[in-house]
C-alpha atoms as a PDB file:
ATOM      1  CA  MET A   1     -18.013 148.854 -55.804  1.00  0.00           C
ATOM      2  CA  SER A   2     -15.497 147.809 -53.148  1.00  0.00           C
ATOM      3  CA  SER A   3     -12.946 150.395 -52.068  1.00  0.00           C
ATOM      4  CA  SER A   4     -10.236 148.015 -50.871  1.00  0.00           C
ATOM      5  CA  PRO A   5      -6.731 148.811 -52.223  1.00  0.00           C
ATOM      6  CA  ALA A   6      -6.689 145.660 -54.344  1.00  0.00           C
ATOM      7  CA  ASP A   7     -10.081 146.385 -55.860  1.00  0.00           C
ATOM      8  CA  THR A   8      -9.181 150.021 -56.477  1.00  0.00           C
ATOM      9  CA  ALA A   9      -5.946 149.056 -58.240  1.00  0.00           C
ATOM     10  CA  ARG A  10      -7.791 146.451 -60.316  1.00  0.00           C
ATOM     11  CA  TYR A  11     -10.468 148.931 -61.319  1.00  0.00           C
ATOM     12  CA  ASN A  12      -7.927 151.627 -62.227  1.00  0.00           C
ATOM     13  CA  ARG A  13      -6.111 149.101 -64.421  1.00  0.00           C
ATOM     14  CA  PHE A  14      -9.397 148.262 -66.092  1.00  0.00           C
ATOM     15  CA  VAL A  15     -10.140 151.915 -66.849  1.00  0.00           C
ATOM     16  CA  ALA A  16      -6.638 152.460 -68.233  1.00  0.00           C
ATOM     17  CA  ASP A  17      -7.040 149.419 -70.495  1.00  0.00           C
ATOM     18  CA  LEU A  18     -10.513 150.520 -71.549  1.00  0.00           C
ATOM     19  CA  PHE A  19      -9.285 153.975 -72.535  1.00  0.00           C
ATOM     20  CA  GLY A  20      -6.241 152.489 -74.256  1.00  0.00           C
ATOM     21  CA  MET A  21      -8.470 150.270 -76.367  1.00  0.00           C
ATOM     22  CA  MET A  22     -10.819 153.156 -77.127  1.00  0.00           C
ATOM     23  CA  ALA A  23      -7.967 155.458 -78.078  1.00  0.00           C
ATOM     24  CA  TYR A  24      -6.467 153.002 -80.539  1.00  0.00           C
ATOM     25  CA  GLY A  25      -9.889 152.222 -81.949  1.00  0.00           C
ATOM     26  CA  GLU A  26     -10.560 155.903 -82.595  1.00  0.00           C
ATOM     27  CA  LEU A  27      -7.100 156.446 -84.092  1.00  0.00           C
ATOM     28  CA  SER A  28      -7.599 153.442 -86.380  1.00  0.00           C
ATOM     29  CA  ALA A  29     -11.026 154.736 -87.400  1.00  0.00           C
ATOM     30  CA  PHE A  30      -9.480 158.089 -88.323  1.00  0.00           C
ATOM     31  CA  GLU A  31      -6.902 156.350 -90.501  1.00  0.00           C
ATOM     32  CA  ARG A  32      -9.528 154.092 -92.097  1.00  0.00           C
ATOM     33  CA  PHE A  33     -11.940 156.889 -92.988  1.00  0.00           C
ATOM     34  CA  SER A  34      -9.110 159.039 -94.304  1.00  0.00           C
ATOM     35  CA  ALA A  35      -7.945 156.209 -96.567  1.00  0.00           C
ATOM     36  CA  ASP A  36     -11.466 155.293 -97.731  1.00  0.00           C
ATOM     37  CA  ALA A  37     -12.198 158.910 -98.629  1.00  0.00           C
ATOM     38  CA  ARG A  38      -9.640 158.722-101.423  1.00  0.00           C
ATOM     39  CA  TYR A  39     -11.669 156.027-103.182  1.00  0.00           C
ATOM     40  CA  SER A  40     -15.031 157.757-102.853  1.00  0.00           C
ATOM     41  CA  PRO A  41     -17.076 157.675-106.077  1.00  0.00           C
ATOM     42  CA  THR A  42     -18.017 161.365-105.741  1.00  0.00           C
ATOM     43  CA  LEU A  43     -16.486 164.476-104.235  1.00  0.00           C
ATOM     44  CA  HIS A  44     -19.489 164.707-101.931  1.00  0.00           C
ATOM     45  CA  ASP A  45     -18.726 161.253-100.533  1.00  0.00           C
ATOM     46  CA  ARG A  46     -15.094 162.195-100.136  1.00  0.00           C
ATOM     47  CA  ALA A  47     -16.056 165.250 -98.101  1.00  0.00           C
ATOM     48  CA  VAL A  48     -18.507 163.240 -95.994  1.00  0.00           C
ATOM     49  CA  LEU A  49     -15.902 160.639 -95.040  1.00  0.00           C
ATOM     50  CA  GLY A  50     -13.347 163.371 -94.483  1.00  0.00           C
ATOM     51  CA  ARG A  51     -15.643 165.010 -91.924  1.00  0.00           C
ATOM     52  CA  ILE A  52     -16.180 161.662 -90.194  1.00  0.00           C
ATOM     53  CA  ALA A  53     -12.402 161.148 -90.044  1.00  0.00           C
ATOM     54  CA  VAL A  54     -12.043 164.513 -88.300  1.00  0.00           C
ATOM     55  CA  VAL A  55     -14.682 163.511 -85.734  1.00  0.00           C
ATOM     56  CA  GLU A  56     -12.859 160.240 -85.046  1.00  0.00           C
ATOM     57  CA  PHE A  57      -9.580 162.073 -84.471  1.00  0.00           C
ATOM     58  CA  ARG A  58     -11.280 164.453 -82.051  1.00  0.00           C
ATOM     59  CA  HIS A  59     -12.542 161.411 -80.167  1.00  0.00           C
ATOM     60  CA  TYR A  60      -8.998 160.073 -80.041  1.00  0.00           C
ATOM     61  CA  GLU A  61      -7.809 163.380 -78.596  1.00  0.00           C
ATOM     62  CA  LEU A  62     -10.537 163.303 -75.928  1.00  0.00           C
ATOM     63  CA  VAL A  63      -9.500 159.838 -74.756  1.00  0.00           C
ATOM     64  CA  SER A  64      -5.805 160.717 -74.914  1.00  0.00           C
ATOM     65  CA  SER A  65      -6.482 163.782 -72.781  1.00  0.00           C
ATOM     66  CA  ARG A  66      -8.275 161.678 -70.175  1.00  0.00           C
ATOM     67  CA  LEU A  67      -5.353 159.238 -70.099  1.00  0.00           C
ATOM     68  CA  ALA A  68      -2.950 162.158 -69.625  1.00  0.00           C
ATOM     69  CA  SER A  69      -5.055 163.352 -66.671  1.00  0.00           C
ATOM     70  CA  MET A  70      -4.478 159.892 -65.179  1.00  0.00           C
ATOM     71  CA  ASN A  71      -0.710 160.284 -65.734  1.00  0.00           C
ATOM     72  CA  ILE A  72      -0.790 157.547 -68.377  1.00  0.00           C
ATOM     73  CA  ASP A  73       0.932 157.919 -71.723  1.00  0.00           C
ATOM     74  CA  ALA A  74      -1.566 157.317 -74.539  1.00  0.00           C
ATOM     75  CA  GLU A  75       0.910 155.328 -76.613  1.00  0.00           C
ATOM     76  CA  ASP A  76       1.696 153.032 -73.679  1.00  0.00           C
ATOM     77  CA  ALA A  77      -2.029 152.493 -73.101  1.00  0.00           C
ATOM     78  CA  MET A  78      -2.723 151.719 -76.773  1.00  0.00           C
ATOM     79  CA  LEU A  79       0.157 149.349 -77.444  1.00  0.00           C
ATOM     80  CA  PRO A  80      -1.399 146.223 -75.830  1.00  0.00           C
ATOM     81  CA  PHE A  81      -4.322 146.506 -78.264  1.00  0.00           C
ATOM     82  CA  GLN A  82      -2.495 147.443 -81.451  1.00  0.00           C
ATOM     83  CA  ALA A  83      -1.751 143.927 -82.668  1.00  0.00           C
ATOM     84  CA  ALA A  84      -5.308 142.646 -82.158  1.00  0.00           C
ATOM     85  CA  VAL A  85      -6.959 145.638 -83.814  1.00  0.00           C
ATOM     86  CA  ASP A  86      -4.526 145.620 -86.734  1.00  0.00           C
ATOM     87  CA  TYR A  87      -5.073 141.888 -87.168  1.00  0.00           C
ATOM     88  CA  PHE A  88      -8.826 142.409 -87.267  1.00  0.00           C
ATOM     89  CA  HIS A  89      -8.478 145.000 -90.017  1.00  0.00           C
ATOM     90  CA  SER A  90      -6.058 142.814 -91.962  1.00  0.00           C
ATOM     91  CA  ARG A  91      -8.705 140.054 -91.994  1.00  0.00           C
ATOM     92  CA  THR A  92     -11.507 142.373 -93.068  1.00  0.00           C
ATOM     93  CA  ARG A  93     -10.095 144.332 -95.975  1.00  0.00           C
ATOM     94  CA  PRO A  94     -12.978 145.616 -98.142  1.00  0.00           C
ATOM     95  CA  ALA A  95     -13.007 144.705-101.823  1.00  0.00           C
ATOM     96  CA  ASP A  96     -14.552 147.999-102.923  1.00  0.00           C
ATOM     97  CA  TRP A  97     -16.210 151.232-101.854  1.00  0.00           C
ATOM     98  CA  PHE A  98     -19.491 149.569-100.899  1.00  0.00           C
ATOM     99  CA  GLU A  99     -17.799 147.011 -98.663  1.00  0.00           C
ATOM    100  CA  SER A 100     -15.876 149.878 -97.071  1.00  0.00           C
ATOM    101  CA  LEU A 101     -19.156 151.595 -96.243  1.00  0.00           C
ATOM    102  CA  MET A 102     -20.592 148.420 -94.751  1.00  0.00           C
ATOM    103  CA  LYS A 103     -17.463 147.795 -92.698  1.00  0.00           C
ATOM    104  CA  ALA A 104     -17.513 151.341 -91.361  1.00  0.00           C
ATOM    105  CA  TYR A 105     -21.196 151.006 -90.436  1.00  0.00           C
ATOM    106  CA  VAL A 106     -20.839 147.624 -88.738  1.00  0.00           C
ATOM    107  CA  ILE A 107     -17.716 148.587 -86.784  1.00  0.00           C
ATOM    108  CA  ASP A 108     -19.195 151.942 -85.764  1.00  0.00           C
ATOM    109  CA  THR A 109     -22.417 150.430 -84.450  1.00  0.00           C
ATOM    110  CA  VAL A 110     -21.033 147.249 -82.869  1.00  0.00           C
ATOM    111  CA  SER A 111     -18.269 149.207 -81.125  1.00  0.00           C
ATOM    112  CA  ALA A 112     -20.796 151.701 -79.786  1.00  0.00           C
ATOM    113  CA  ASP A 113     -22.962 148.857 -78.453  1.00  0.00           C
ATOM    114  CA  PHE A 114     -19.922 147.226 -76.817  1.00  0.00           C
ATOM    115  CA  TYR A 115     -18.808 150.375 -75.017  1.00  0.00           C
ATOM    116  CA  ARG A 116     -22.338 151.263 -73.938  1.00  0.00           C
ATOM    117  CA  ALA A 117     -22.674 147.817 -72.385  1.00  0.00           C
ATOM    118  CA  ILE A 118     -19.358 148.225 -70.563  1.00  0.00           C
ATOM    119  CA  SER A 119     -20.403 151.695 -69.352  1.00  0.00           C
ATOM    120  CA  GLN A 120     -23.003 150.111 -67.049  1.00  0.00           C
ATOM    121  CA  TYR A 121     -20.160 148.984 -64.774  1.00  0.00           C
ATOM    122  CA  VAL A 122     -18.003 152.102 -64.541  1.00  0.00           C
ATOM    123  CA  ASP A 123     -17.899 155.299 -62.516  1.00  0.00           C
ATOM    124  CA  ALA A 124     -19.833 158.391 -63.573  1.00  0.00           C
ATOM    125  CA  ALA A 125     -16.880 160.279 -65.080  1.00  0.00           C
ATOM    126  CA  THR A 126     -15.804 157.304 -67.184  1.00  0.00           C
ATOM    127  CA  ARG A 127     -19.396 156.690 -68.271  1.00  0.00           C
ATOM    128  CA  GLU A 128     -19.743 160.327 -69.290  1.00  0.00           C
ATOM    129  CA  LEU A 129     -16.711 160.144 -71.580  1.00  0.00           C
ATOM    130  CA  ILE A 130     -17.919 156.890 -73.149  1.00  0.00           C
ATOM    131  CA  GLU A 131     -21.320 158.445 -73.802  1.00  0.00           C
ATOM    132  CA  GLN A 132     -19.745 161.583 -75.216  1.00  0.00           C
ATOM    133  CA  ILE A 133     -17.857 159.511 -77.770  1.00  0.00           C
ATOM    134  CA  GLN A 134     -20.266 156.672 -78.484  1.00  0.00           C
ATOM    135  CA  ASP A 135     -23.737 158.210 -78.197  1.00  0.00           C
ATOM    136  CA  SER A 136     -23.452 160.487 -81.225  1.00  0.00           C
ATOM    137  CA  GLU A 137     -25.730 159.275 -84.020  1.00  0.00           C
ATOM    138  CA  GLU A 138     -24.219 161.605 -86.611  1.00  0.00           C
ATOM    139  CA  THR A 139     -21.690 159.167 -88.067  1.00  0.00           C
ATOM    140  CA  THR A 140     -24.073 156.218 -87.820  1.00  0.00           C
ATOM    141  CA  GLU A 141     -26.854 158.074 -89.608  1.00  0.00           C
ATOM    142  CA  VAL A 142     -24.569 159.275 -92.414  1.00  0.00           C
ATOM    143  CA  LEU A 143     -23.298 155.743 -93.055  1.00  0.00           C
ATOM    144  CA  ARG A 144     -26.777 154.215 -92.792  1.00  0.00           C
ATOM    145  CA  GLU A 145     -28.280 156.649 -95.297  1.00  0.00           C
ATOM    146  CA  ARG A 146     -25.387 156.237 -97.721  1.00  0.00           C
ATOM    147  CA  LEU A 147     -25.809 152.454 -97.587  1.00  0.00           C
ATOM    148  CA  LYS A 148     -29.559 152.739 -98.147  1.00  0.00           C
ATOM    149  CA  SER A 149     -28.920 154.959-101.151  1.00  0.00           C
ATOM    150  CA  ALA A 150     -26.386 152.527-102.606  1.00  0.00           C
ATOM    151  CA  LEU A 151     -28.765 149.581-102.152  1.00  0.00           C
ATOM    152  CA  ALA A 152     -31.611 151.509-103.748  1.00  0.00           C
ATOM    153  CA  ASP A 153     -29.431 152.414-106.730  1.00  0.00           C
ATOM    154  CA  ASP A 154     -28.227 148.832-107.194  1.00  0.00           C
ATOM    155  CA  PRO A 155     -30.360 146.126-105.504  1.00  0.00           C
ATOM    156  CA  ARG A 156     -27.840 143.514-106.680  1.00  0.00           C
ATOM    157  CA  LEU A 157     -25.561 144.697-103.875  1.00  0.00           C
ATOM    158  CA  ALA A 158     -27.925 143.325-101.222  1.00  0.00           C
ATOM    159  CA  SER A 159     -26.793 139.704-101.158  1.00  0.00           C
ATOM    160  CA  ARG A 160     -23.097 140.598-101.271  1.00  0.00           C
ATOM    161  CA  LEU A 161     -23.344 143.223 -98.534  1.00  0.00           C
ATOM    162  CA  ALA A 162     -25.507 140.966 -96.361  1.00  0.00           C
ATOM    163  CA  LEU A 163     -22.856 138.247 -96.547  1.00  0.00           C
ATOM    164  CA  TRP A 164     -20.096 140.769 -95.893  1.00  0.00           C
ATOM    165  CA  GLY A 165     -22.007 142.155 -92.916  1.00  0.00           C
ATOM    166  CA  ARG A 166     -22.305 138.684 -91.386  1.00  0.00           C
ATOM    167  CA  ARG A 167     -18.597 138.075 -91.796  1.00  0.00           C
ATOM    168  CA  LEU A 168     -17.778 141.435 -90.220  1.00  0.00           C
ATOM    169  CA  LEU A 169     -20.041 140.692 -87.288  1.00  0.00           C
ATOM    170  CA  GLY A 170     -18.385 137.321 -86.720  1.00  0.00           C
ATOM    171  CA  GLU A 171     -14.935 138.873 -86.728  1.00  0.00           C
ATOM    172  CA  ALA A 172     -16.067 141.719 -84.462  1.00  0.00           C
ATOM    173  CA  LEU A 173     -17.650 139.356 -81.931  1.00  0.00           C
ATOM    174  CA  THR A 174     -14.531 137.196 -81.880  1.00  0.00           C
ATOM    175  CA  GLN A 175     -12.513 140.340 -81.239  1.00  0.00           C
ATOM    176  CA  ALA A 176     -14.835 141.444 -78.428  1.00  0.00           C
ATOM    177  CA  GLN A 177     -14.621 138.028 -76.750  1.00  0.00           C
ATOM    178  CA  ARG A 178     -10.843 137.927 -77.050  1.00  0.00           C
ATOM    179  CA  VAL A 179     -10.426 141.390 -75.545  1.00  0.00           C
ATOM    180  CA  SER A 180     -12.912 140.679 -72.755  1.00  0.00           C
ATOM    181  CA  TYR A 181     -11.108 137.491 -71.720  1.00  0.00           C
ATOM    182  CA  GLU A 182      -7.486 138.463 -72.340  1.00  0.00           C
ATOM    183  CA  HIS A 183      -7.777 141.729 -70.443  1.00  0.00           C
ATOM    184  CA  ALA A 184     -10.311 140.382 -67.924  1.00  0.00           C
ATOM    185  CA  PHE A 185     -12.479 143.445 -68.477  1.00  0.00           C
ATOM    186  CA  LEU A 186     -15.700 142.260 -66.918  1.00  0.00           C
ATOM    187  CA  ALA A 187     -14.014 140.052 -64.342  1.00  0.00           C
ATOM    188  CA  SER A 188     -12.215 143.166 -63.096  1.00  0.00           C
ATOM    189  CA  LEU A 189     -15.563 144.790 -62.442  1.00  0.00           C
ATOM    190  CA  ILE A 190     -17.281 141.951 -60.597  1.00  0.00           C
ATOM    191  CA  GLY A 191     -14.571 140.943 -58.163  1.00  0.00           C
ATOM    192  CA  GLY A 192     -11.705 139.728 -60.242  1.00  0.00           C
ATOM    193  CA  GLU A 193     -11.731 135.970 -59.718  1.00  0.00           C
ATOM    194  CA  ASP A 194     -15.276 134.845 -60.568  1.00  0.00           C
ATOM    195  CA  ASN A 195     -14.592 133.332 -63.983  1.00  0.00           C
ATOM    196  CA  ALA A 196     -18.034 131.762 -64.289  1.00  0.00           C
ATOM    197  CA  ALA A 197     -19.741 135.081 -63.685  1.00  0.00           C
ATOM    198  CA  ALA A 198     -17.391 136.816 -66.100  1.00  0.00           C
ATOM    199  CA  LYS A 199     -18.115 134.250 -68.807  1.00  0.00           C
ATOM    200  CA  GLU A 200     -21.838 134.689 -68.240  1.00  0.00           C
ATOM    201  CA  LEU A 201     -21.506 138.458 -68.611  1.00  0.00           C
ATOM    202  CA  VAL A 202     -19.420 138.135 -71.776  1.00  0.00           C
ATOM    203  CA  SER A 203     -21.910 135.646 -73.229  1.00  0.00           C
ATOM    204  CA  GLY A 204     -24.770 138.043 -72.556  1.00  0.00           C
ATOM    205  CA  LEU A 205     -22.826 140.925 -74.049  1.00  0.00           C
ATOM    206  CA  ILE A 206     -22.045 139.000 -77.242  1.00  0.00           C
ATOM    207  CA  SER A 207     -25.667 137.906 -77.629  1.00  0.00           C
ATOM    208  CA  GLY A 208     -26.814 141.495 -77.290  1.00  0.00           C
ATOM    209  CA  LEU A 209     -24.341 142.710 -79.900  1.00  0.00           C
ATOM    210  CA  ALA A 210     -25.553 140.050 -82.352  1.00  0.00           C
ATOM    211  CA  ARG A 211     -29.226 140.906 -81.797  1.00  0.00           C
ATOM    212  CA  ASN A 212     -28.653 144.612 -82.334  1.00  0.00           C
ATOM    213  CA  HIS A 213     -26.676 143.947 -85.503  1.00  0.00           C
ATOM    214  CA  SER A 214     -29.430 141.717 -86.899  1.00  0.00           C
ATOM    215  CA  ARG A 215     -32.000 144.430 -86.224  1.00  0.00           C
ATOM    216  CA  ARG A 216     -29.918 147.040 -88.031  1.00  0.00           C
ATOM    217  CA  MET A 217     -29.390 144.785 -91.049  1.00  0.00           C
ATOM    218  CA  THR A 218     -33.151 144.234 -91.251  1.00  0.00           C
ATOM    219  CA  GLN A 219     -33.646 148.000 -91.238  1.00  0.00           C
ATOM    220  CA  LEU A 220     -31.329 148.177 -94.256  1.00  0.00           C
ATOM    221  CA  GLY A 221     -33.379 145.501 -95.998  1.00  0.00           C
ATOM    222  CA  LEU A 222     -30.617 142.922 -95.551  1.00  0.00           C
ATOM    223  CA  THR A 223     -30.550 139.569 -93.800  1.00  0.00           C
ATOM    224  CA  GLY A 224     -28.651 139.882 -90.514  1.00  0.00           C
END
């Protein structure tokens, strides 16, 4: 990685944007799980989603703390991403509890894949924080097992949840592309002005996200 002043400033801006996006994503996840918990069919499910919400808020606090160590206000860092994230959620409102579970699972796993891919291009300290937040399988496993249980109890859900999963993936990939281009994430890491190379990286990233999603849907017994 070049150490010229321009490259250093560009990279620092990238990291600030990355953490701002992560922070708002974690805060939104906390709000979403908290809201979904109220509509849980059982008290056990309510407690499970409540625990996940707490984990998401702790993640938000970790990212906010890192931003503070960089002398960046968390709210200022999150604001550029608020409209896009809120718009995504407005377009993907679940119709019921089962669609809420699927949305939580898809967003949790696709987001983790996205950040892991980005982490290949960052410094060790930034990579460590990304891994600390994204590499936990606890939430993913809880959601996966709850979905498997729901599908086993009512196989008629399969076609509806498969269709819903495909729609969620499409919206998530569109969001990932928009963020990557609008904030020049990958271009910032490969020299700043090589648009062709940046587009190639984004294309590869999107393809990888789609493949991983398809594999996970197959594991659930659904068509990805």
